[in-house]
PDB file of N, CA and C in Angstrom:
ATOM      1  N   MET A   1     109.062  89.878 130.127  1.00  0.00           N
ATOM      2  CA  MET A   1     109.796  90.651 129.137  1.00  0.00           C
ATOM      3  C   MET A   1     110.214  89.775 127.966  1.00  0.00           C
ATOM      4  N   ARG A   2     110.625  88.562 128.262  1.00  0.00           N
ATOM      5  CA  ARG A   2     111.096  87.684 127.212  1.00  0.00           C
ATOM      6  C   ARG A   2     109.974  87.277 126.259  1.00  0.00           C
ATOM      7  N   GLU A   3     108.764  87.017 126.792  1.00  0.00           N
ATOM      8  CA  GLU A   3     107.642  86.639 125.944  1.00  0.00           C
ATOM      9  C   GLU A   3     107.260  87.792 125.011  1.00  0.00           C
ATOM     10  N   GLY A   4     107.333  89.006 125.520  1.00  0.00           N
ATOM     11  CA  GLY A   4     107.019  90.167 124.698  1.00  0.00           C
ATOM     12  C   GLY A   4     107.973  90.310 123.527  1.00  0.00           C
ATOM     13  N   ALA A   5     109.244  90.048 123.770  1.00  0.00           N
ATOM     14  CA  ALA A   5     110.234  90.135 122.696  1.00  0.00           C
ATOM     15  C   ALA A   5     109.968  89.076 121.639  1.00  0.00           C
ATOM     16  N   ALA A   6     109.574  87.881 122.073  1.00  0.00           N
ATOM     17  CA  ALA A   6     109.276  86.812 121.114  1.00  0.00           C
ATOM     18  C   ALA A   6     108.070  87.185 120.262  1.00  0.00           C
ATOM     19  N   ARG A   7     107.071  87.793 120.878  1.00  0.00           N
ATOM     20  CA  ARG A   7     105.892  88.218 120.122  1.00  0.00           C
ATOM     21  C   ARG A   7     106.247  89.299 119.112  1.00  0.00           C
ATOM     22  N   GLU A   8     107.105  90.235 119.513  1.00  0.00           N
ATOM     23  CA  GLU A   8     107.505  91.296 118.595  1.00  0.00           C
ATOM     24  C   GLU A   8     108.274  90.729 117.412  1.00  0.00           C
ATOM     25  N   ARG A   9     109.161  89.772 117.661  1.00  0.00           N
ATOM     26  CA  ARG A   9     109.893  89.143 116.563  1.00  0.00           C
ATOM     27  C   ARG A   9     108.939  88.421 115.621  1.00  0.00           C
ATOM     28  N   ALA A  10     107.947  87.728 116.166  1.00  0.00           N
ATOM     29  CA  ALA A  10     106.977  87.023 115.333  1.00  0.00           C
ATOM     30  C   ALA A  10     106.168  88.018 114.502  1.00  0.00           C
ATOM     31  N   ARG A  11     105.779  89.127 115.121  1.00  0.00           N
ATOM     32  CA  ARG A  11     105.013  90.152 114.408  1.00  0.00           C
ATOM     33  C   ARG A  11     105.854  90.752 113.284  1.00  0.00           C
ATOM     34  N   ASP A  12     107.136  90.975 113.542  1.00  0.00           N
ATOM     35  CA  ASP A  12     108.025  91.501 112.506  1.00  0.00           C
ATOM     36  C   ASP A  12     108.149  90.520 111.354  1.00  0.00           C
ATOM     37  N   GLY A  13     108.230  89.239 111.665  1.00  0.00           N
ATOM     38  CA  GLY A  13     108.326  88.216 110.626  1.00  0.00           C
ATOM     39  C   GLY A  13     107.080  88.184 109.762  1.00  0.00           C
ATOM     40  N   VAL A  14     105.913  88.349 110.371  1.00  0.00           N
ATOM     41  CA  VAL A  14     104.664  88.376 109.609  1.00  0.00           C
ATOM     42  C   VAL A  14     104.639  89.599 108.697  1.00  0.00           C
ATOM     43  N   ALA A  15     105.086  90.733 109.199  1.00  0.00           N
ATOM     44  CA  ALA A  15     105.095  91.947 108.390  1.00  0.00           C
ATOM     45  C   ALA A  15     106.027  91.799 107.193  1.00  0.00           C
ATOM     46  N   VAL A  16     107.194  91.224 107.405  1.00  0.00           N
ATOM     47  CA  VAL A  16     108.147  91.018 106.309  1.00  0.00           C
ATOM     48  C   VAL A  16     107.562  90.049 105.289  1.00  0.00           C
ATOM     49  N   GLY A  17     106.931  88.990 105.766  1.00  0.00           N
ATOM     50  CA  GLY A  17     106.317  88.023 104.856  1.00  0.00           C
ATOM     51  C   GLY A  17     105.184  88.637 104.051  1.00  0.00           C
ATOM     52  N   ALA A  18     104.370  89.475 104.688  1.00  0.00           N
ATOM     53  CA  ALA A  18     103.267  90.117 103.979  1.00  0.00           C
ATOM     54  C   ALA A  18     103.792  91.083 102.916  1.00  0.00           C
ATOM     55  N   CYS A  19     104.830  91.828 103.232  1.00  0.00           N
ATOM     56  CA  CYS A  19     105.409  92.757 102.250  1.00  0.00           C
ATOM     57  C   CYS A  19     106.026  91.997 101.088  1.00  0.00           C
ATOM     58  N   GLY A  20     106.721  90.913 101.394  1.00  0.00           N
ATOM     59  CA  GLY A  20     107.320  90.096 100.341  1.00  0.00           C
ATOM     60  C   GLY A  20     106.256  89.467  99.459  1.00  0.00           C
ATOM     61  N   GLY A  21     105.204  88.956 100.070  1.00  0.00           N
ATOM     62  CA  GLY A  21     104.122  88.348  99.303  1.00  0.00           C
ATOM     63  C   GLY A  21     103.400  89.368  98.441  1.00  0.00           C
ATOM     64  N   GLY A  22     103.160  90.551  99.015  1.00  0.00           N
ATOM     65  CA  GLY A  22     102.502  91.607  98.245  1.00  0.00           C
ATOM     66  C   GLY A  22     103.345  92.060  97.061  1.00  0.00           C
ATOM     67  N   SER A  23     104.648  92.153  97.267  1.00  0.00           N
ATOM     68  CA  SER A  23     105.550  92.541  96.179  1.00  0.00           C
ATOM     69  C   SER A  23     105.540  91.492  95.069  1.00  0.00           C
ATOM     70  N   TYR A  24     105.513  90.233  95.455  1.00  0.00           N
ATOM     71  CA  TYR A  24     105.486  89.148  94.475  1.00  0.00           C
ATOM     72  C   TYR A  24     104.198  89.205  93.653  1.00  0.00           C
ATOM     73  N   VAL A  25     103.070  89.414  94.323  1.00  0.00           N
ATOM     74  CA  VAL A  25     101.787  89.486  93.621  1.00  0.00           C
ATOM     75  C   VAL A  25     101.775  90.665  92.651  1.00  0.00           C
ATOM     76  N   LEU A  26     102.251  91.830  93.088  1.00  0.00           N
ATOM     77  CA  LEU A  26     102.281  92.985  92.190  1.00  0.00           C
ATOM     78  C   LEU A  26     103.196  92.748  90.993  1.00  0.00           C
ATOM     79  N   ALA A  27     104.341  92.118  91.217  1.00  0.00           N
ATOM     80  CA  ALA A  27     105.257  91.822  90.110  1.00  0.00           C
ATOM     81  C   ALA A  27     104.619  90.839  89.131  1.00  0.00           C
ATOM     82  N   MET A  28     103.927  89.840  89.646  1.00  0.00           N
ATOM     83  CA  MET A  28     103.274  88.864  88.774  1.00  0.00           C
ATOM     84  C   MET A  28     102.140  89.522  87.984  1.00  0.00           C
ATOM     85  N   MET A  29     101.371  90.392  88.654  1.00  0.00           N
ATOM     86  CA  MET A  29     100.301  91.103  87.946  1.00  0.00           C
ATOM     87  C   MET A  29     100.874  91.943  86.802  1.00  0.00           C
ATOM     88  N   GLY A  30     101.953  92.652  87.100  1.00  0.00           N
ATOM     89  CA  GLY A  30     102.571  93.484  86.071  1.00  0.00           C
ATOM     90  C   GLY A  30     103.125  92.679  84.909  1.00  0.00           C
ATOM     91  N   SER A  31     103.778  91.569  85.226  1.00  0.00           N
ATOM     92  CA  SER A  31     104.376  90.774  84.153  1.00  0.00           C
ATOM     93  C   SER A  31     103.317  90.118  83.282  1.00  0.00           C
ATOM     94  N   ARG A  32     102.247  89.631  83.880  1.00  0.00           N
ATOM     95  CA  ARG A  32     101.189  88.983  83.090  1.00  0.00           C
ATOM     96  C   ARG A  32     100.458  90.000  82.218  1.00  0.00           C
ATOM     97  N   THR A  33     100.323  91.223  82.708  1.00  0.00           N
ATOM     98  CA  THR A  33      99.697  92.263  81.901  1.00  0.00           C
ATOM     99  C   THR A  33     100.643  92.707  80.793  1.00  0.00           C
ATOM    100  N   TRP A  34     101.929  92.880  81.129  1.00  0.00           N
ATOM    101  CA  TRP A  34     102.922  93.324  80.146  1.00  0.00           C
ATOM    102  C   TRP A  34     103.078  92.310  79.014  1.00  0.00           C
ATOM    103  N   LEU A  35     103.019  91.033  79.347  1.00  0.00           N
ATOM    104  CA  LEU A  35     103.174  89.985  78.332  1.00  0.00           C
ATOM    105  C   LEU A  35     101.872  89.690  77.592  1.00  0.00           C
ATOM    106  N   HIS A  36     100.839  90.418  77.893  1.00  0.00           N
ATOM    107  CA  HIS A  36      99.517  90.259  77.276  1.00  0.00           C
ATOM    108  C   HIS A  36      98.944  88.865  77.494  1.00  0.00           C
ATOM    109  N   ALA A  37      99.295  88.254  78.611  1.00  0.00           N
ATOM    110  CA  ALA A  37      98.715  86.966  78.961  1.00  0.00           C
ATOM    111  C   ALA A  37      97.327  87.168  79.565  1.00  0.00           C
ATOM    112  N   GLN A  38      97.117  88.302  80.193  1.00  0.00           N
ATOM    113  CA  GLN A  38      95.815  88.625  80.777  1.00  0.00           C
ATOM    114  C   GLN A  38      95.594  90.124  80.685  1.00  0.00           C
ATOM    115  N   TRP A  39      94.333  90.512  80.730  1.00  0.00           N
ATOM    116  CA  TRP A  39      93.986  91.915  80.768  1.00  0.00           C
ATOM    117  C   TRP A  39      94.248  92.450  82.166  1.00  0.00           C
ATOM    118  N   LEU A  40      94.458  93.758  82.254  1.00  0.00           N
ATOM    119  CA  LEU A  40      94.675  94.389  83.549  1.00  0.00           C
ATOM    120  C   LEU A  40      93.468  94.169  84.463  1.00  0.00           C
ATOM    121  N   SER A  41      92.271  94.236  83.894  1.00  0.00           N
ATOM    122  CA  SER A  41      91.064  94.030  84.702  1.00  0.00           C
ATOM    123  C   SER A  41      91.020  92.620  85.289  1.00  0.00           C
ATOM    124  N   ASP A  42      91.529  91.619  84.556  1.00  0.00           N
ATOM    125  CA  ASP A  42      91.570  90.246  85.068  1.00  0.00           C
ATOM    126  C   ASP A  42      92.508  90.136  86.265  1.00  0.00           C
ATOM    127  N   THR A  43      93.666  90.771  86.175  1.00  0.00           N
ATOM    128  CA  THR A  43      94.629  90.678  87.271  1.00  0.00           C
ATOM    129  C   THR A  43      94.147  91.440  88.494  1.00  0.00           C
ATOM    130  N   VAL A  44      93.516  92.590  88.281  1.00  0.00           N
ATOM    131  CA  VAL A  44      92.984  93.353  89.411  1.00  0.00           C
ATOM    132  C   VAL A  44      91.838  92.587  90.062  1.00  0.00           C
ATOM    133  N   ALA A  45      90.952  92.009  89.251  1.00  0.00           N
ATOM    134  CA  ALA A  45      89.845  91.221  89.801  1.00  0.00           C
ATOM    135  C   ALA A  45      90.371  90.025  90.587  1.00  0.00           C
ATOM    136  N   GLY A  46      91.404  89.367  90.085  1.00  0.00           N
ATOM    137  CA  GLY A  46      91.995  88.241  90.812  1.00  0.00           C
ATOM    138  C   GLY A  46      92.577  88.665  92.146  1.00  0.00           C
ATOM    139  N   ALA A  47      93.222  89.821  92.165  1.00  0.00           N
ATOM    140  CA  ALA A  47      93.772  90.331  93.422  1.00  0.00           C
ATOM    141  C   ALA A  47      92.659  90.655  94.406  1.00  0.00           C
ATOM    142  N   LEU A  48      91.583  91.251  93.930  1.00  0.00           N
ATOM    143  CA  LEU A  48      90.454  91.575  94.802  1.00  0.00           C
ATOM    144  C   LEU A  48      89.782  90.316  95.348  1.00  0.00           C
ATOM    145  N   VAL A  49      89.668  89.281  94.531  1.00  0.00           N
ATOM    146  CA  VAL A  49      89.119  88.012  95.012  1.00  0.00           C
ATOM    147  C   VAL A  49      90.031  87.421  96.081  1.00  0.00           C
ATOM    148  N   GLY A  50      91.327  87.494  95.877  1.00  0.00           N
ATOM    149  CA  GLY A  50      92.271  86.992  96.871  1.00  0.00           C
ATOM    150  C   GLY A  50      92.188  87.753  98.185  1.00  0.00           C
ATOM    151  N   VAL A  51      92.103  89.067  98.118  1.00  0.00           N
ATOM    152  CA  VAL A  51      91.989  89.877  99.327  1.00  0.00           C
ATOM    153  C   VAL A  51      90.676  89.578 100.040  1.00  0.00           C
ATOM    154  N   GLY A  52      89.595  89.466  99.278  1.00  0.00           N
ATOM    155  CA  GLY A  52      88.295  89.155  99.870  1.00  0.00           C
ATOM    156  C   GLY A  52      88.292  87.803 100.560  1.00  0.00           C
ATOM    157  N   THR A  53      88.893  86.809  99.928  1.00  0.00           N
ATOM    158  CA  THR A  53      88.975  85.482 100.533  1.00  0.00           C
ATOM    159  C   THR A  53      89.786  85.523 101.818  1.00  0.00           C
ATOM    160  N   CYS A  54      90.886  86.258 101.792  1.00  0.00           N
ATOM    161  CA  CYS A  54      91.724  86.396 102.983  1.00  0.00           C
ATOM    162  C   CYS A  54      90.946  87.026 104.129  1.00  0.00           C
ATOM    163  N   LEU A  55      90.182  88.072 103.846  1.00  0.00           N
ATOM    164  CA  LEU A  55      89.420  88.752 104.890  1.00  0.00           C
ATOM    165  C   LEU A  55      88.310  87.859 105.454  1.00  0.00           C
ATOM    166  N   VAL A  56      87.649  87.093 104.595  1.00  0.00           N
ATOM    167  CA  VAL A  56      86.597  86.187 105.067  1.00  0.00           C
ATOM    168  C   VAL A  56      87.191  85.106 105.964  1.00  0.00           C
ATOM    169  N   LEU A  57      88.316  84.530 105.552  1.00  0.00           N
ATOM    170  CA  LEU A  57      88.958  83.493 106.365  1.00  0.00           C
ATOM    171  C   LEU A  57      89.476  84.061 107.679  1.00  0.00           C
ATOM    172  N   TRP A  58      90.011  85.271 107.645  1.00  0.00           N
ATOM    173  CA  TRP A  58      90.504  85.918 108.857  1.00  0.00           C
ATOM    174  C   TRP A  58      89.360  86.117 109.838  1.00  0.00           C
ATOM    175  N   ARG A  59      88.226  86.580 109.319  1.00  0.00           N
ATOM    176  CA  ARG A  59      87.057  86.788 110.176  1.00  0.00           C
ATOM    177  C   ARG A  59      86.557  85.457 110.747  1.00  0.00           C
ATOM    178  N   ALA A  60      86.605  84.405 109.961  1.00  0.00           N
ATOM    179  CA  ALA A  60      86.122  83.099 110.407  1.00  0.00           C
ATOM    180  C   ALA A  60      87.018  82.509 111.496  1.00  0.00           C
ATOM    181  N   PHE A  61      88.329  82.708 111.377  1.00  0.00           N
ATOM    182  CA  PHE A  61      89.261  82.088 112.308  1.00  0.00           C
ATOM    183  C   PHE A  61      89.742  83.020 113.419  1.00  0.00           C
ATOM    184  N   ALA A  62      89.294  84.261 113.446  1.00  0.00           N
ATOM    185  CA  ALA A  62      89.729  85.215 114.467  1.00  0.00           C
ATOM    186  C   ALA A  62      89.433  84.737 115.890  1.00  0.00           C
ATOM    187  N   PRO A  63      88.247  84.182 116.180  1.00  0.00           N
ATOM    188  CA  PRO A  63      88.004  83.710 117.549  1.00  0.00           C
ATOM    189  C   PRO A  63      88.963  82.589 117.972  1.00  0.00           C
ATOM    190  N   LEU A  64      89.261  81.686 117.059  1.00  0.00           N
ATOM    191  CA  LEU A  64      90.192  80.602 117.386  1.00  0.00           C
ATOM    192  C   LEU A  64      91.595  81.135 117.628  1.00  0.00           C
ATOM    193  N   LEU A  65      92.017  82.093 116.829  1.00  0.00           N
ATOM    194  CA  LEU A  65      93.345  82.670 117.015  1.00  0.00           C
ATOM    195  C   LEU A  65      93.431  83.452 118.321  1.00  0.00           C
ATOM    196  N   GLU A  66      92.359  84.133 118.689  1.00  0.00           N
ATOM    197  CA  GLU A  66      92.334  84.869 119.951  1.00  0.00           C
ATOM    198  C   GLU A  66      92.429  83.911 121.138  1.00  0.00           C
ATOM    199  N   THR A  67      91.691  82.801 121.064  1.00  0.00           N
ATOM    200  CA  THR A  67      91.739  81.795 122.136  1.00  0.00           C
ATOM    201  C   THR A  67      93.144  81.218 122.256  1.00  0.00           C
ATOM    202  N   GLU A  68      93.755  80.905 121.128  1.00  0.00           N
ATOM    203  CA  GLU A  68      95.112  80.362 121.160  1.00  0.00           C
ATOM    204  C   GLU A  68      96.097  81.379 121.722  1.00  0.00           C
ATOM    205  N   SER A  69      95.917  82.642 121.372  1.00  0.00           N
ATOM    206  CA  SER A  69      96.787  83.698 121.892  1.00  0.00           C
ATOM    207  C   SER A  69      96.673  83.806 123.410  1.00  0.00           C
ATOM    208  N   GLU A  70      95.449  83.729 123.923  1.00  0.00           N
ATOM    209  CA  GLU A  70      95.254  83.786 125.373  1.00  0.00           C
ATOM    210  C   GLU A  70      95.877  82.579 126.063  1.00  0.00           C
ATOM    211  N   ARG A  71      95.775  81.430 125.447  1.00  0.00           N
ATOM    212  CA  ARG A  71      96.376  80.225 126.042  1.00  0.00           C
ATOM    213  C   ARG A  71      97.892  80.314 126.063  1.00  0.00           C
ATOM    214  N   MET A  72      98.460  80.822 124.986  1.00  0.00           N
ATOM    215  CA  MET A  72      99.908  80.958 124.945  1.00  0.00           C
ATOM    216  C   MET A  72     100.388  81.994 125.958  1.00  0.00           C
ATOM    217  N   ALA A  73      99.616  83.057 126.152  1.00  0.00           N
ATOM    218  CA  ALA A  73      99.999  84.098 127.101  1.00  0.00           C
ATOM    219  C   ALA A  73      99.961  83.578 128.546  1.00  0.00           C
ATOM    220  N   SER A  74      99.077  82.618 128.806  1.00  0.00           N
ATOM    221  CA  SER A  74      98.977  82.086 130.156  1.00  0.00           C
ATOM    222  C   SER A  74      99.896  80.874 130.380  1.00  0.00           C
ATOM    223  N   ASN A  75     100.720  80.555 129.379  1.00  0.00           N
ATOM    224  CA  ASN A  75     101.642  79.403 129.445  1.00  0.00           C
ATOM    225  C   ASN A  75     100.910  78.095 129.679  1.00  0.00           C
ATOM    226  N   SER A  76      99.695  77.991 129.204  1.00  0.00           N
ATOM    227  CA  SER A  76      98.927  76.773 129.331  1.00  0.00           C
ATOM    228  C   SER A  76      98.236  76.508 128.005  1.00  0.00           C
ATOM    229  N   LEU A  77      98.665  75.488 127.303  1.00  0.00           N
ATOM    230  CA  LEU A  77      98.076  75.170 126.021  1.00  0.00           C
ATOM    231  C   LEU A  77      96.669  74.610 126.193  1.00  0.00           C
ATOM    232  N   TRP A  78      96.408  73.943 127.297  1.00  0.00           N
ATOM    233  CA  TRP A  78      95.096  73.342 127.549  1.00  0.00           C
ATOM    234  C   TRP A  78      94.435  74.035 128.721  1.00  0.00           C
ATOM    235  N   LEU A  79      93.344  74.741 128.477  1.00  0.00           N
ATOM    236  CA  LEU A  79      92.629  75.420 129.546  1.00  0.00           C
ATOM    237  C   LEU A  79      91.478  74.580 130.033  1.00  0.00           C
TER     238      LEU A  79
END
């Protein structure tokens, strides 16, 4: 029961961090467009490149993260 609660707290922290990061990116996109520092298409393209990079890295590291998750669940860091 205790391990499950720790996982839920960690998941909540990730969700809060993702929402905060997303809000920051949207605010920066809006401010750079409003100040005419960049075109709207430039900021949208930059966001899409960032999302694409994130998804590629997530796919690349998913097996390693799954292995680490299984090791942590079994209370053994070294299998």
